[in-house]
Amino acid sequence: QVQLVESGGGLVQPGGSLRLSCAASGLIFSSFTMGWYRQTPGKQRELVATINRGGSTNYADSVKGRFTISRLNAKNTVYLQMNSLTPEDTAVYYCNAEFRGSSVYWGQGTQVTVSS
């Protein structure tokens, strides 16, 4: 079956950096738009960033200039480099795979906590 497995989350101080990874299996990775979403208690899941099969990216306004999404198709992996982190970035971050306009697969999530 298809699996998306996130890693790289953890506790980081304000102003610090983390890099999240999402390793995909069971799908033709290069055919999918990949994305990162995040969710905090009591709030709906929100888009963070996406990258399509051609490398075109899209970011939420709140993370533009601080986060960078990238993909390495040869490794079936999508990354999220997060810099200048603030407490407002604290959330569970989820990896997503989209095919022909539909979000069809989700990872289990990885916790990112920004605190001193």
N, C-alpha and C. Protein backbone atom coordinates (compact mmCIF):
# COMPACT_ATOMS: atom_id res chain seq x y z
N GLN A 1 0.83 -1.18 0.00
CA GLN A 1 0.00 0.00 0.00
C GLN A 1 0.87 1.25 0.00
N VAL A 2 0.25 2.36 -0.34
CA VAL A 2 0.95 3.63 -0.36
C VAL A 2 1.25 4.08 1.06
N GLN A 3 2.47 4.55 1.27
CA GLN A 3 2.86 5.11 2.56
C GLN A 3 3.63 6.40 2.37
N LEU A 4 3.32 7.38 3.20
CA LEU A 4 4.08 8.62 3.30
C LEU A 4 4.56 8.72 4.74
N VAL A 5 5.87 8.75 4.94
CA VAL A 5 6.44 8.71 6.28
C VAL A 5 7.26 9.96 6.52
N GLU A 6 6.79 10.81 7.44
CA GLU A 6 7.48 12.05 7.77
C GLU A 6 8.54 11.81 8.83
N SER A 7 9.58 12.62 8.81
CA SER A 7 10.60 12.61 9.83
C SER A 7 11.23 13.99 9.93
N GLY A 8 11.96 14.22 11.01
CA GLY A 8 12.69 15.46 11.18
C GLY A 8 12.09 16.45 12.15
N GLY A 9 10.91 16.16 12.67
CA GLY A 9 10.30 17.06 13.64
C GLY A 9 11.00 16.99 14.98
N GLY A 10 10.64 17.92 15.85
CA GLY A 10 11.22 17.96 17.17
C GLY A 10 11.05 19.31 17.83
N LEU A 11 11.82 19.53 18.90
CA LEU A 11 11.79 20.77 19.65
C LEU A 11 12.93 21.67 19.21
N VAL A 12 12.61 22.92 18.90
CA VAL A 12 13.62 23.87 18.46
C VAL A 12 13.32 25.23 19.08
N GLN A 13 14.37 26.02 19.33
CA GLN A 13 14.20 27.35 19.90
C GLN A 13 13.74 28.35 18.84
N PRO A 14 13.03 29.41 19.26
CA PRO A 14 12.67 30.46 18.31
C PRO A 14 13.89 30.97 17.55
N GLY A 15 13.73 31.17 16.25
CA GLY A 15 14.83 31.57 15.40
C GLY A 15 15.63 30.43 14.82
N GLY A 16 15.37 29.23 15.28
CA GLY A 16 16.09 28.07 14.81
C GLY A 16 15.54 27.50 13.52
N SER A 17 16.12 26.38 13.10
CA SER A 17 15.75 25.75 11.84
C SER A 17 15.54 24.26 12.01
N LEU A 18 14.70 23.70 11.17
CA LEU A 18 14.49 22.27 11.05
C LEU A 18 14.29 21.92 9.59
N ARG A 19 14.63 20.69 9.22
CA ARG A 19 14.31 20.18 7.90
C ARG A 19 13.47 18.92 8.04
N LEU A 20 12.26 18.96 7.51
CA LEU A 20 11.38 17.81 7.50
C LEU A 20 11.56 17.03 6.21
N SER A 21 11.43 15.71 6.31
CA SER A 21 11.50 14.84 5.16
C SER A 21 10.24 13.98 5.10
N CYS A 22 9.81 13.65 3.89
CA CYS A 22 8.69 12.75 3.67
C CYS A 22 9.10 11.74 2.63
N ALA A 23 9.22 10.49 3.04
CA ALA A 23 9.60 9.41 2.15
C ALA A 23 8.35 8.67 1.68
N ALA A 24 8.17 8.58 0.38
CA ALA A 24 6.99 7.95 -0.21
C ALA A 24 7.33 6.58 -0.77
N SER A 25 6.36 5.68 -0.69
CA SER A 25 6.50 4.36 -1.28
C SER A 25 5.15 3.90 -1.79
N GLY A 26 5.16 3.01 -2.77
CA GLY A 26 3.93 2.44 -3.29
C GLY A 26 3.20 3.30 -4.31
N LEU A 27 3.83 4.35 -4.80
CA LEU A 27 3.24 5.20 -5.82
C LEU A 27 4.31 5.67 -6.79
N ILE A 28 3.86 6.10 -7.96
CA ILE A 28 4.79 6.69 -8.93
C ILE A 28 4.99 8.14 -8.51
N PHE A 29 6.02 8.36 -7.73
CA PHE A 29 6.23 9.62 -7.04
C PHE A 29 6.25 10.82 -7.98
N SER A 30 6.90 10.67 -9.12
CA SER A 30 7.06 11.79 -10.04
C SER A 30 5.75 12.26 -10.66
N SER A 31 4.68 11.48 -10.54
CA SER A 31 3.39 11.85 -11.11
C SER A 31 2.54 12.71 -10.17
N PHE A 32 2.98 12.90 -8.93
CA PHE A 32 2.18 13.56 -7.91
C PHE A 32 2.69 14.95 -7.57
N THR A 33 1.75 15.85 -7.32
CA THR A 33 2.08 17.07 -6.60
C THR A 33 2.20 16.72 -5.13
N MET A 34 3.28 17.17 -4.51
CA MET A 34 3.52 16.89 -3.10
C MET A 34 3.35 18.17 -2.28
N GLY A 35 2.91 18.00 -1.05
CA GLY A 35 2.69 19.17 -0.22
C GLY A 35 2.92 18.92 1.25
N TRP A 36 3.06 20.02 1.97
CA TRP A 36 3.12 20.00 3.43
C TRP A 36 1.96 20.82 3.98
N TYR A 37 1.26 20.27 4.95
CA TYR A 37 0.19 20.94 5.67
C TYR A 37 0.49 20.87 7.15
N ARG A 38 -0.17 21.72 7.93
CA ARG A 38 0.04 21.67 9.37
C ARG A 38 -1.28 21.91 10.11
N GLN A 39 -1.33 21.42 11.35
CA GLN A 39 -2.54 21.51 12.14
C GLN A 39 -2.20 21.65 13.62
N THR A 40 -2.88 22.56 14.30
CA THR A 40 -2.76 22.73 15.74
C THR A 40 -4.10 22.40 16.39
N PRO A 41 -4.10 22.06 17.69
CA PRO A 41 -5.37 21.73 18.36
C PRO A 41 -6.41 22.83 18.21
N GLY A 42 -7.61 22.45 17.82
CA GLY A 42 -8.70 23.39 17.69
C GLY A 42 -8.74 24.15 16.37
N LYS A 43 -7.79 23.90 15.49
CA LYS A 43 -7.75 24.58 14.20
C LYS A 43 -7.79 23.57 13.06
N GLN A 44 -8.25 24.03 11.90
CA GLN A 44 -8.28 23.18 10.72
C GLN A 44 -6.89 23.05 10.12
N ARG A 45 -6.69 21.96 9.43
CA ARG A 45 -5.43 21.76 8.74
C ARG A 45 -5.26 22.82 7.65
N GLU A 46 -4.06 23.41 7.57
CA GLU A 46 -3.82 24.47 6.61
C GLU A 46 -2.63 24.14 5.72
N LEU A 47 -2.70 24.66 4.50
CA LEU A 47 -1.62 24.50 3.54
C LEU A 47 -0.38 25.25 4.00
N VAL A 48 0.77 24.61 3.90
CA VAL A 48 2.06 25.26 4.14
C VAL A 48 2.76 25.52 2.81
N ALA A 49 2.94 24.46 2.01
CA ALA A 49 3.64 24.59 0.74
C ALA A 49 3.33 23.40 -0.14
N THR A 50 3.41 23.59 -1.45
CA THR A 50 3.27 22.50 -2.41
C THR A 50 4.34 22.62 -3.48
N ILE A 51 4.63 21.50 -4.12
CA ILE A 51 5.54 21.48 -5.27
C ILE A 51 5.01 20.46 -6.26
N ASN A 52 4.83 20.88 -7.51
CA ASN A 52 4.27 19.98 -8.49
C ASN A 52 5.36 19.20 -9.22
N ARG A 53 4.93 18.37 -10.18
CA ARG A 53 5.86 17.49 -10.87
C ARG A 53 6.90 18.25 -11.67
N GLY A 54 6.61 19.48 -12.05
CA GLY A 54 7.55 20.29 -12.79
C GLY A 54 8.41 21.19 -11.93
N GLY A 55 8.22 21.15 -10.60
CA GLY A 55 9.03 21.94 -9.70
C GLY A 55 8.44 23.28 -9.32
N SER A 56 7.25 23.60 -9.80
CA SER A 56 6.59 24.85 -9.43
C SER A 56 6.11 24.77 -7.98
N THR A 57 6.37 25.83 -7.21
CA THR A 57 6.05 25.83 -5.78
C THR A 57 4.97 26.84 -5.44
N ASN A 58 4.32 26.61 -4.31
CA ASN A 58 3.29 27.48 -3.78
C ASN A 58 3.43 27.49 -2.26
N TYR A 59 3.35 28.69 -1.65
CA TYR A 59 3.54 28.83 -0.21
C TYR A 59 2.42 29.63 0.42
N ALA A 60 2.10 29.27 1.66
CA ALA A 60 1.24 30.13 2.46
C ALA A 60 1.95 31.44 2.75
N ASP A 61 1.19 32.53 2.81
CA ASP A 61 1.79 33.84 3.07
C ASP A 61 2.59 33.85 4.37
N SER A 62 2.16 33.10 5.36
CA SER A 62 2.79 33.12 6.67
C SER A 62 4.19 32.51 6.68
N VAL A 63 4.55 31.75 5.64
CA VAL A 63 5.85 31.09 5.62
C VAL A 63 6.73 31.53 4.47
N LYS A 64 6.23 32.38 3.59
CA LYS A 64 7.02 32.85 2.45
C LYS A 64 8.30 33.53 2.93
N GLY A 65 9.40 33.17 2.32
CA GLY A 65 10.69 33.73 2.68
C GLY A 65 11.39 33.00 3.81
N ARG A 66 10.67 32.12 4.51
CA ARG A 66 11.26 31.38 5.62
C ARG A 66 11.35 29.88 5.34
N PHE A 67 10.36 29.34 4.65
CA PHE A 67 10.30 27.90 4.36
C PHE A 67 10.59 27.66 2.88
N THR A 68 11.20 26.52 2.58
CA THR A 68 11.46 26.11 1.21
C THR A 68 11.08 24.65 1.04
N ILE A 69 10.22 24.37 0.06
CA ILE A 69 9.86 23.00 -0.26
C ILE A 69 10.68 22.55 -1.47
N SER A 70 11.11 21.30 -1.45
CA SER A 70 11.86 20.74 -2.56
C SER A 70 11.56 19.25 -2.67
N ARG A 71 11.94 18.66 -3.79
CA ARG A 71 11.72 17.23 -3.97
C ARG A 71 12.89 16.62 -4.70
N LEU A 72 13.15 15.35 -4.40
CA LEU A 72 14.17 14.58 -5.09
C LEU A 72 13.49 13.30 -5.57
N ASN A 73 13.07 13.31 -6.83
CA ASN A 73 12.29 12.20 -7.35
C ASN A 73 13.06 10.89 -7.32
N ALA A 74 14.37 10.93 -7.49
CA ALA A 74 15.17 9.72 -7.48
C ALA A 74 15.12 9.02 -6.12
N LYS A 75 14.82 9.77 -5.05
CA LYS A 75 14.72 9.20 -3.72
C LYS A 75 13.28 9.13 -3.21
N ASN A 76 12.32 9.49 -4.06
CA ASN A 76 10.90 9.50 -3.67
C ASN A 76 10.69 10.28 -2.38
N THR A 77 11.32 11.44 -2.29
CA THR A 77 11.31 12.20 -1.05
C THR A 77 11.02 13.68 -1.31
N VAL A 78 10.20 14.27 -0.45
CA VAL A 78 9.94 15.70 -0.47
C VAL A 78 10.43 16.27 0.85
N TYR A 79 10.98 17.49 0.81
CA TYR A 79 11.57 18.12 1.97
C TYR A 79 10.90 19.46 2.26
N LEU A 80 10.97 19.87 3.51
CA LEU A 80 10.56 21.20 3.91
C LEU A 80 11.63 21.78 4.82
N GLN A 81 12.40 22.73 4.29
CA GLN A 81 13.39 23.44 5.08
C GLN A 81 12.71 24.61 5.76
N MET A 82 12.77 24.66 7.09
CA MET A 82 12.10 25.68 7.87
C MET A 82 13.14 26.49 8.62
N ASN A 83 13.20 27.79 8.33
CA ASN A 83 14.13 28.70 8.97
C ASN A 83 13.37 29.78 9.72
N SER A 84 14.08 30.46 10.61
CA SER A 84 13.50 31.57 11.39
C SER A 84 12.18 31.17 12.04
N LEU A 85 12.19 30.03 12.69
CA LEU A 85 10.96 29.50 13.27
C LEU A 85 10.48 30.34 14.45
N THR A 86 9.16 30.43 14.58
CA THR A 86 8.51 31.14 15.67
C THR A 86 7.55 30.20 16.38
N PRO A 87 7.12 30.55 17.60
CA PRO A 87 6.15 29.69 18.30
C PRO A 87 4.88 29.45 17.51
N GLU A 88 4.51 30.38 16.62
CA GLU A 88 3.31 30.21 15.81
C GLU A 88 3.46 29.10 14.77
N ASP A 89 4.67 28.64 14.54
CA ASP A 89 4.89 27.52 13.63
C ASP A 89 4.68 26.17 14.31
N THR A 90 4.49 26.16 15.61
CA THR A 90 4.25 24.91 16.33
C THR A 90 2.99 24.23 15.81
N ALA A 91 3.12 22.98 15.41
CA ALA A 91 2.00 22.23 14.83
C ALA A 91 2.45 20.82 14.53
N VAL A 92 1.49 19.97 14.19
CA VAL A 92 1.79 18.70 13.56
C VAL A 92 1.84 18.94 12.07
N TYR A 93 2.93 18.55 11.44
CA TYR A 93 3.12 18.76 10.01
C TYR A 93 2.87 17.45 9.27
N TYR A 94 2.04 17.53 8.23
CA TYR A 94 1.62 16.37 7.46
C TYR A 94 2.10 16.45 6.02
N CYS A 95 2.56 15.34 5.51
CA CYS A 95 2.92 15.20 4.10
C CYS A 95 1.69 14.77 3.31
N ASN A 96 1.53 15.31 2.11
CA ASN A 96 0.36 15.04 1.27
C ASN A 96 0.79 14.77 -0.16
N ALA A 97 0.08 13.85 -0.81
CA ALA A 97 0.28 13.56 -2.22
C ALA A 97 -1.03 13.80 -2.96
N GLU A 98 -0.96 14.58 -4.03
CA GLU A 98 -2.13 14.97 -4.81
C GLU A 98 -1.98 14.48 -6.24
N PHE A 99 -3.05 13.90 -6.79
CA PHE A 99 -3.04 13.41 -8.15
C PHE A 99 -4.28 13.90 -8.87
N ARG A 100 -4.07 14.56 -9.98
CA ARG A 100 -5.15 15.11 -10.80
C ARG A 100 -6.12 15.94 -9.97
N GLY A 101 -5.56 16.80 -9.12
CA GLY A 101 -6.36 17.76 -8.38
C GLY A 101 -6.97 17.27 -7.09
N SER A 102 -6.74 16.03 -6.71
CA SER A 102 -7.32 15.47 -5.50
C SER A 102 -6.23 15.04 -4.53
N SER A 103 -6.40 15.40 -3.25
CA SER A 103 -5.48 14.97 -2.19
C SER A 103 -5.82 13.55 -1.80
N VAL A 104 -5.04 12.60 -2.27
CA VAL A 104 -5.40 11.20 -2.13
C VAL A 104 -4.65 10.46 -1.03
N TYR A 105 -3.48 10.97 -0.60
CA TYR A 105 -2.70 10.28 0.41
C TYR A 105 -2.16 11.26 1.44
N TRP A 106 -2.08 10.80 2.70
CA TRP A 106 -1.55 11.58 3.81
C TRP A 106 -0.59 10.75 4.64
N GLY A 107 0.43 11.41 5.17
CA GLY A 107 1.30 10.78 6.14
C GLY A 107 0.70 10.86 7.53
N GLN A 108 1.40 10.30 8.51
CA GLN A 108 0.89 10.26 9.88
C GLN A 108 1.16 11.53 10.66
N GLY A 109 2.04 12.37 10.16
CA GLY A 109 2.36 13.62 10.80
C GLY A 109 3.60 13.56 11.67
N THR A 110 4.27 14.69 11.80
CA THR A 110 5.42 14.82 12.69
C THR A 110 5.29 16.13 13.47
N GLN A 111 5.55 16.07 14.77
CA GLN A 111 5.36 17.22 15.64
C GLN A 111 6.55 18.17 15.55
N VAL A 112 6.24 19.45 15.37
CA VAL A 112 7.23 20.52 15.43
C VAL A 112 6.82 21.45 16.56
N THR A 113 7.71 21.64 17.53
CA THR A 113 7.45 22.53 18.65
C THR A 113 8.54 23.58 18.71
N VAL A 114 8.14 24.84 18.67
CA VAL A 114 9.07 25.97 18.72
C VAL A 114 8.88 26.66 20.06
N SER A 115 9.86 26.53 20.93
CA SER A 115 9.74 27.06 22.29
C SER A 115 11.11 27.21 22.91
N SER A 116 11.24 28.18 23.81
CA SER A 116 12.46 28.36 24.56
C SER A 116 12.40 27.63 25.90
